[in-house]
Amino acid sequence: MTTHPAQAPEVLISEVGPRDGLQSVKTTMPTADKLRWIDALVAAGVREIEVASFVPARLLPQMADAAEVVRHALRHEGLTVMALVPNLRGAEAALRAGVHKLTMPVSASREHSLANVRKTPEAMVDEVRAIARLRDELAPGVKLEAGISTAFGCTLQGKVPEDDVIRLAALCVAAGADESGLSDTVGYANPAQVRRLFRRLRIELGEKAGAAHMHNTRGLGLANCLAAWEEGVRTFDSSLGGLGGCPYAPGASGNVVTEDLVFMFEAMGVRTGIDLGDIVAARAPLAAGLPGEPLYGMTPDAGLPKGFVPQP
């Protein structure tokens, strides 16, 4: 494995494939393959991984081994181990498993929220408040992020008013979330919209404005990440091989491809701390655990440009 540069990365690439990706495919990846995949991601220099979702196994059998996966991931020194939790029960299980960070989806679209978690956005803010209280009791050092889903539009509701998005993010932070980011859950976003909304979010929340979670449904994932970066965003969710998607976005190709996102930033002179050769190699355990599942990405297929030198 290539030795990673000593200089501090300038952006944080948060890998969400082991959660967002795996819960979006029908096949359940064997636990041993999940662990090998996580090990390969860490070996490539990934510093934050959303490793699981704490939901009932009958609803998402792909996540039935969540606690075991968290325990394994915690062995990696310097890795932020993150889990998605939809409710208080899931949060308690994740906290007891020892995660470093909780992420909670709060949809700005009322219709999507009711379809996805059977609660209104206002009820989800109350859930954020309850989870924040529980976190303070059980593990006060754990971070809580409220990701605003369908922030750029919704396949069920259509247009989502930008005022609703910013108001909901502010309510989540007021309820106890440490930060709130924006998610293009169904792949509707465009760069102008991304700049506008993240500018407003950063004005509203300051340092508590969180990550950009973009999907590549219509081929604009990288462009949208670049737009967010230009507005000061420094944390980006992505998925190895572009694995993932949303059940309410038919035809979606999934999340922004980690390999392509890393290449874009490194080519721009922005340090990610991730080795490009090693992150492409991390596709091998993923493919082994999900044989036949399509993986996306331009960089793995095309290779690096002649003479390309990553940032020192």
Protein backbone atom coordinates (compact mmCIF):
# COMPACT_ATOMS: atom_id res chain seq x y z
CA MET A 1 0.00 0.00 0.00
CA THR A 2 1.22 3.50 -0.80
CA THR A 3 2.26 5.62 2.17
CA HIS A 4 -0.23 8.43 2.66
CA PRO A 5 0.99 12.03 2.75
CA ALA A 6 1.70 13.62 6.11
CA GLN A 7 -0.02 16.87 5.23
CA ALA A 8 -3.55 17.21 6.52
CA PRO A 9 -6.32 16.56 3.99
CA GLU A 10 -8.25 19.62 2.83
CA VAL A 11 -11.55 17.82 2.31
CA LEU A 12 -13.17 14.89 4.11
CA ILE A 13 -14.55 12.16 1.87
CA SER A 14 -17.11 10.27 3.96
CA GLU A 15 -17.68 6.81 2.51
CA VAL A 16 -21.33 5.75 2.76
CA GLY A 17 -21.29 2.61 0.62
CA PRO A 18 -21.41 0.07 3.47
CA ARG A 19 -24.71 1.63 4.57
CA ASP A 20 -26.33 3.63 1.80
CA GLY A 21 -24.99 1.33 -0.89
CA LEU A 22 -25.66 -2.03 0.68
CA GLN A 23 -29.17 -1.26 1.87
CA SER A 24 -30.09 -0.22 -1.66
CA VAL A 25 -29.32 -3.60 -3.29
CA LYS A 26 -31.39 -6.75 -2.93
CA THR A 27 -28.45 -9.03 -2.19
CA THR A 28 -27.21 -9.20 1.40
CA MET A 29 -23.43 -9.00 1.49
CA PRO A 30 -21.91 -11.61 3.83
CA THR A 31 -20.49 -10.04 6.99
CA ALA A 32 -16.96 -11.28 6.30
CA ASP A 33 -16.98 -9.50 2.93
CA LYS A 34 -18.24 -6.30 4.56
CA LEU A 35 -15.37 -6.38 7.01
CA ARG A 36 -12.80 -6.95 4.26
CA TRP A 37 -14.30 -4.08 2.28
CA ILE A 38 -14.12 -1.72 5.27
CA ASP A 39 -10.51 -2.77 5.90
CA ALA A 40 -9.64 -1.97 2.28
CA LEU A 41 -11.30 1.45 2.51
CA VAL A 42 -9.31 2.29 5.63
CA ALA A 43 -6.10 1.04 4.00
CA ALA A 44 -6.75 3.49 1.14
CA GLY A 45 -6.89 6.40 3.58
CA VAL A 46 -10.63 6.81 4.12
CA ARG A 47 -11.11 8.47 7.52
CA GLU A 48 -14.90 8.36 7.96
CA ILE A 49 -17.22 5.49 7.02
CA GLU A 50 -20.96 5.12 7.47
CA VAL A 51 -20.75 1.42 8.23
CA ALA A 52 -24.36 0.47 8.97
CA SER A 53 -27.94 1.45 9.61
CA PHE A 54 -29.60 0.46 12.87
CA VAL A 55 -33.05 -0.66 11.75
CA PRO A 56 -35.07 -3.85 12.36
CA ALA A 57 -33.58 -6.82 10.48
CA ARG A 58 -37.03 -7.75 9.15
CA LEU A 59 -37.12 -4.43 7.30
CA LEU A 60 -33.51 -4.38 6.13
CA PRO A 61 -31.87 -7.80 6.38
CA GLN A 62 -28.78 -6.25 4.74
CA MET A 63 -28.16 -4.42 8.03
CA ALA A 64 -28.84 -7.29 10.45
CA ASP A 65 -25.14 -7.45 11.40
CA ALA A 66 -24.84 -3.73 12.17
CA ALA A 67 -23.46 -4.09 15.70
CA GLU A 68 -20.86 -6.65 14.60
CA VAL A 69 -19.74 -4.43 11.73
CA VAL A 70 -19.41 -1.46 14.10
CA ARG A 71 -17.31 -3.49 16.53
CA HIS A 72 -14.94 -4.46 13.74
CA ALA A 73 -14.67 -0.94 12.36
CA LEU A 74 -13.83 0.42 15.81
CA ARG A 75 -10.56 -1.52 15.69
CA HIS A 76 -9.22 0.95 13.15
CA GLU A 77 -7.44 3.77 14.93
CA GLY A 78 -8.23 7.20 13.52
CA LEU A 79 -11.40 6.10 11.73
CA THR A 80 -14.67 7.87 12.49
CA VAL A 81 -17.29 5.11 12.64
CA MET A 82 -20.70 6.44 11.67
CA ALA A 83 -24.16 4.85 11.55
CA LEU A 84 -27.54 5.97 10.27
CA VAL A 85 -30.41 5.89 12.75
CA PRO A 86 -34.03 6.62 11.80
CA ASN A 87 -35.41 6.79 15.34
CA LEU A 88 -34.70 6.70 19.07
CA ARG A 89 -34.58 2.92 19.24
CA GLY A 90 -32.02 2.73 16.49
CA ALA A 91 -29.98 5.49 18.10
CA GLU A 92 -29.83 3.64 21.40
CA ALA A 93 -28.60 0.48 19.67
CA ALA A 94 -25.97 2.42 17.73
CA LEU A 95 -24.75 4.25 20.83
CA ARG A 96 -24.46 1.02 22.77
CA ALA A 97 -22.50 -0.47 19.88
CA GLY A 98 -19.98 2.35 20.29
CA VAL A 99 -20.29 4.49 17.15
CA HIS A 100 -18.51 7.83 17.00
CA LYS A 101 -21.19 9.61 15.00
CA LEU A 102 -24.93 9.29 14.36
CA THR A 103 -26.54 10.51 11.18
CA MET A 104 -30.26 10.95 10.97
CA PRO A 105 -32.26 11.54 7.77
CA VAL A 106 -34.87 14.29 8.07
CA SER A 107 -36.78 14.82 4.85
CA ALA A 108 -37.81 18.31 3.77
CA SER A 109 -40.51 16.73 1.60
CA ARG A 110 -43.57 15.90 3.66
CA GLU A 111 -44.65 13.18 1.24
CA HIS A 112 -41.21 11.56 1.20
CA SER A 113 -40.98 11.72 4.99
CA LEU A 114 -44.32 9.97 5.42
CA ALA A 115 -43.43 7.32 2.84
CA ASN A 116 -39.92 6.72 4.18
CA VAL A 117 -40.30 6.89 7.98
CA ARG A 118 -44.07 7.38 8.42
CA LYS A 119 -43.55 10.66 10.24
CA THR A 120 -43.88 14.32 9.29
CA PRO A 121 -40.76 16.52 9.13
CA GLU A 122 -41.91 18.20 12.36
CA ALA A 123 -42.19 14.84 14.09
CA MET A 124 -38.67 14.00 12.92
CA VAL A 125 -37.37 17.20 14.53
CA ASP A 126 -38.88 15.94 17.79
CA GLU A 127 -37.05 12.65 17.17
CA VAL A 128 -33.79 14.55 16.71
CA ARG A 129 -34.41 16.25 20.07
CA ALA A 130 -35.03 12.90 21.79
CA ILE A 131 -31.94 11.35 20.24
CA ALA A 132 -29.81 14.33 21.26
CA ARG A 133 -31.00 13.93 24.86
CA LEU A 134 -30.23 10.20 24.78
CA ARG A 135 -26.80 10.88 23.31
CA ASP A 136 -26.07 13.38 26.07
CA GLU A 137 -26.96 10.73 28.66
CA LEU A 138 -25.20 7.70 27.16
CA ALA A 139 -22.28 9.06 25.13
CA PRO A 140 -21.89 12.85 25.15
CA GLY A 141 -18.83 12.70 22.89
CA VAL A 142 -20.79 11.25 19.98
CA LYS A 143 -21.63 13.65 17.15
CA LEU A 144 -25.15 13.88 15.76
CA GLU A 145 -25.77 15.00 12.19
CA ALA A 146 -29.22 15.67 10.77
CA GLY A 147 -29.06 15.28 7.01
CA ILE A 148 -31.86 17.11 5.22
CA SER A 149 -33.12 14.61 2.64
CA THR A 150 -34.85 15.63 -0.60
CA ALA A 151 -33.35 19.09 -0.12
CA PHE A 152 -33.27 19.71 -3.87
CA GLY A 153 -36.55 18.12 -4.92
CA CYS A 154 -38.64 14.98 -4.51
CA THR A 155 -40.05 12.35 -6.87
CA LEU A 156 -43.22 12.20 -4.74
CA GLN A 157 -43.83 15.85 -3.91
CA GLY A 158 -41.98 17.53 -6.76
CA LYS A 159 -40.55 20.93 -5.86
CA VAL A 160 -39.38 21.38 -2.28
CA PRO A 161 -39.36 25.07 -1.23
CA GLU A 162 -35.88 26.25 -0.32
CA ASP A 163 -37.23 28.13 2.69
CA ASP A 164 -38.56 24.81 4.04
CA VAL A 165 -35.12 23.21 3.66
CA ILE A 166 -33.24 25.95 5.51
CA ARG A 167 -35.91 26.23 8.22
CA LEU A 168 -35.80 22.46 8.82
CA ALA A 169 -32.00 22.42 9.06
CA ALA A 170 -32.11 25.25 11.61
CA LEU A 171 -34.78 23.44 13.63
CA CYS A 172 -32.66 20.27 13.71
CA VAL A 173 -29.63 22.15 15.02
CA ALA A 174 -31.79 23.94 17.58
CA ALA A 175 -33.08 20.51 18.64
CA GLY A 176 -29.55 19.32 19.42
CA ALA A 177 -27.93 18.19 16.16
CA ASP A 178 -24.26 19.17 15.96
CA GLU A 179 -24.56 19.85 12.25
CA SER A 180 -26.98 19.64 9.36
CA GLY A 181 -26.09 18.93 5.75
CA LEU A 182 -28.06 18.70 2.53
CA SER A 183 -28.87 15.55 0.56
CA ASP A 184 -29.87 15.27 -3.09
CA THR A 185 -31.76 12.08 -2.31
CA VAL A 186 -33.39 11.59 -5.71
CA GLY A 187 -30.84 13.28 -7.94
CA TYR A 188 -32.70 16.45 -8.88
CA ALA A 189 -30.01 18.99 -7.97
CA ASN A 190 -28.10 21.24 -10.37
CA PRO A 191 -24.97 23.28 -9.60
CA ALA A 192 -26.72 26.67 -9.45
CA GLN A 193 -29.26 25.29 -6.98
CA VAL A 194 -26.50 23.65 -4.93
CA ARG A 195 -24.57 26.92 -4.66
CA ARG A 196 -27.68 28.83 -3.66
CA LEU A 197 -28.85 26.40 -0.99
CA PHE A 198 -25.45 25.78 0.58
CA ARG A 199 -24.78 29.52 0.64
CA ARG A 200 -28.02 30.00 2.53
CA LEU A 201 -27.28 27.04 4.81
CA ARG A 202 -23.85 28.39 5.74
CA ILE A 203 -25.28 31.85 6.43
CA GLU A 204 -27.95 30.27 8.65
CA LEU A 205 -25.82 27.70 10.51
CA GLY A 206 -22.22 28.85 10.19
CA GLU A 207 -19.82 26.08 11.21
CA LYS A 208 -22.76 23.76 11.86
CA ALA A 209 -23.54 23.55 8.14
CA GLY A 210 -22.72 19.95 7.28
CA ALA A 211 -21.92 17.62 4.41
CA ALA A 212 -22.98 17.53 0.79
CA HIS A 213 -24.61 14.20 -0.04
CA MET A 214 -25.06 14.08 -3.82
CA HIS A 215 -26.44 11.42 -6.13
CA ASN A 216 -25.41 10.94 -9.74
CA THR A 217 -28.86 10.12 -11.09
CA ARG A 218 -28.62 12.57 -14.00
CA GLY A 219 -24.86 12.75 -14.29
CA LEU A 220 -24.43 15.93 -12.23
CA GLY A 221 -22.98 14.43 -9.07
CA LEU A 222 -19.42 15.71 -9.46
CA ALA A 223 -20.57 19.09 -10.79
CA ASN A 224 -22.79 19.47 -7.74
CA CYS A 225 -19.94 18.52 -5.39
CA LEU A 226 -17.72 21.11 -7.04
CA ALA A 227 -20.45 23.73 -6.65
CA ALA A 228 -20.74 22.86 -2.94
CA TRP A 229 -16.95 23.04 -2.53
CA GLU A 230 -16.93 26.49 -4.10
CA GLU A 231 -19.44 27.55 -1.42
CA GLY A 232 -17.13 26.36 1.35
CA VAL A 233 -18.36 22.79 1.95
CA ARG A 234 -15.48 20.54 2.98
CA THR A 235 -17.22 17.22 3.76
CA PHE A 236 -18.64 15.10 0.96
CA ASP A 237 -20.50 11.78 1.10
CA SER A 238 -19.77 9.29 -1.64
CA SER A 239 -19.94 5.58 -2.33
CA LEU A 240 -17.34 3.24 -3.78
CA GLY A 241 -18.45 2.17 -7.24
CA GLY A 242 -21.40 4.55 -6.96
CA LEU A 243 -23.30 1.87 -5.07
CA GLY A 244 -26.63 2.98 -3.65
CA GLY A 245 -29.66 5.01 -4.57
CA CYS A 246 -33.17 5.59 -3.31
CA PRO A 247 -36.30 3.42 -3.65
CA TYR A 248 -38.21 6.56 -4.62
CA ALA A 249 -35.85 7.40 -7.50
CA PRO A 250 -36.35 4.74 -10.17
CA GLY A 251 -33.51 4.46 -12.65
CA ALA A 252 -31.00 6.11 -10.32
CA SER A 253 -27.41 4.99 -10.76
CA GLY A 254 -26.58 5.69 -7.15
CA ASN A 255 -24.34 7.97 -5.15
CA VAL A 256 -21.39 10.02 -6.34
CA VAL A 257 -18.55 7.60 -7.10
CA THR A 258 -15.84 7.83 -4.44
CA GLU A 259 -13.05 7.04 -6.89
CA ASP A 260 -14.12 9.82 -9.29
CA LEU A 261 -14.63 12.32 -6.47
CA VAL A 262 -11.16 11.65 -5.07
CA PHE A 263 -9.65 12.02 -8.54
CA MET A 264 -11.46 15.31 -9.15
CA PHE A 265 -10.16 16.89 -5.97
CA GLU A 266 -6.63 15.53 -6.30
CA ALA A 267 -6.47 16.72 -9.92
CA MET A 268 -7.55 20.17 -8.71
CA GLY A 269 -4.75 20.24 -6.16
CA VAL A 270 -7.06 19.60 -3.19
CA ARG A 271 -5.73 16.97 -0.79
CA THR A 272 -8.11 14.14 0.19
CA GLY A 273 -5.70 11.89 2.08
CA ILE A 274 -6.92 8.96 -0.03
CA ASP A 275 -4.61 6.97 -2.30
CA LEU A 276 -6.17 6.63 -5.75
CA GLY A 277 -4.60 3.25 -6.51
CA ASP A 278 -5.69 1.83 -3.19
CA ILE A 279 -9.25 3.17 -3.40
CA VAL A 280 -9.68 1.59 -6.83
CA ALA A 281 -8.29 -1.66 -5.39
CA ALA A 282 -10.97 -1.51 -2.68
CA ARG A 283 -13.50 -2.36 -5.41
CA ALA A 284 -12.23 -5.96 -5.36
CA PRO A 285 -13.71 -6.97 -1.96
CA LEU A 286 -16.88 -5.08 -2.84
CA ALA A 287 -17.26 -6.99 -6.11
CA ALA A 288 -16.45 -10.27 -4.36
CA GLY A 289 -19.18 -9.69 -1.79
CA LEU A 290 -21.77 -8.63 -4.38
CA PRO A 291 -21.03 -10.71 -7.48
CA GLY A 292 -22.87 -9.42 -10.52
CA GLU A 293 -23.83 -6.09 -8.97
CA PRO A 294 -23.01 -3.24 -11.39
CA LEU A 295 -20.31 -0.84 -10.21
CA TYR A 296 -19.93 2.62 -11.70
CA GLY A 297 -17.00 4.97 -12.09
CA MET A 298 -15.05 6.59 -14.90
CA THR A 299 -11.64 6.74 -13.20
CA PRO A 300 -11.34 2.98 -12.52
CA ASP A 301 -12.04 2.25 -16.20
CA ALA A 302 -9.96 5.01 -17.78
CA GLY A 303 -7.04 4.99 -15.34
CA LEU A 304 -5.01 8.02 -14.33
CA PRO A 305 -3.69 10.53 -16.87
CA LYS A 306 -0.10 10.05 -17.99
CA GLY A 307 2.20 11.81 -15.56
CA PHE A 308 -0.54 12.41 -13.01
CA VAL A 309 0.88 13.18 -9.57
CA PRO A 310 -1.45 13.27 -6.53
CA GLN A 311 -1.17 16.08 -4.02
CA PRO A 312 1.74 15.84 -1.55
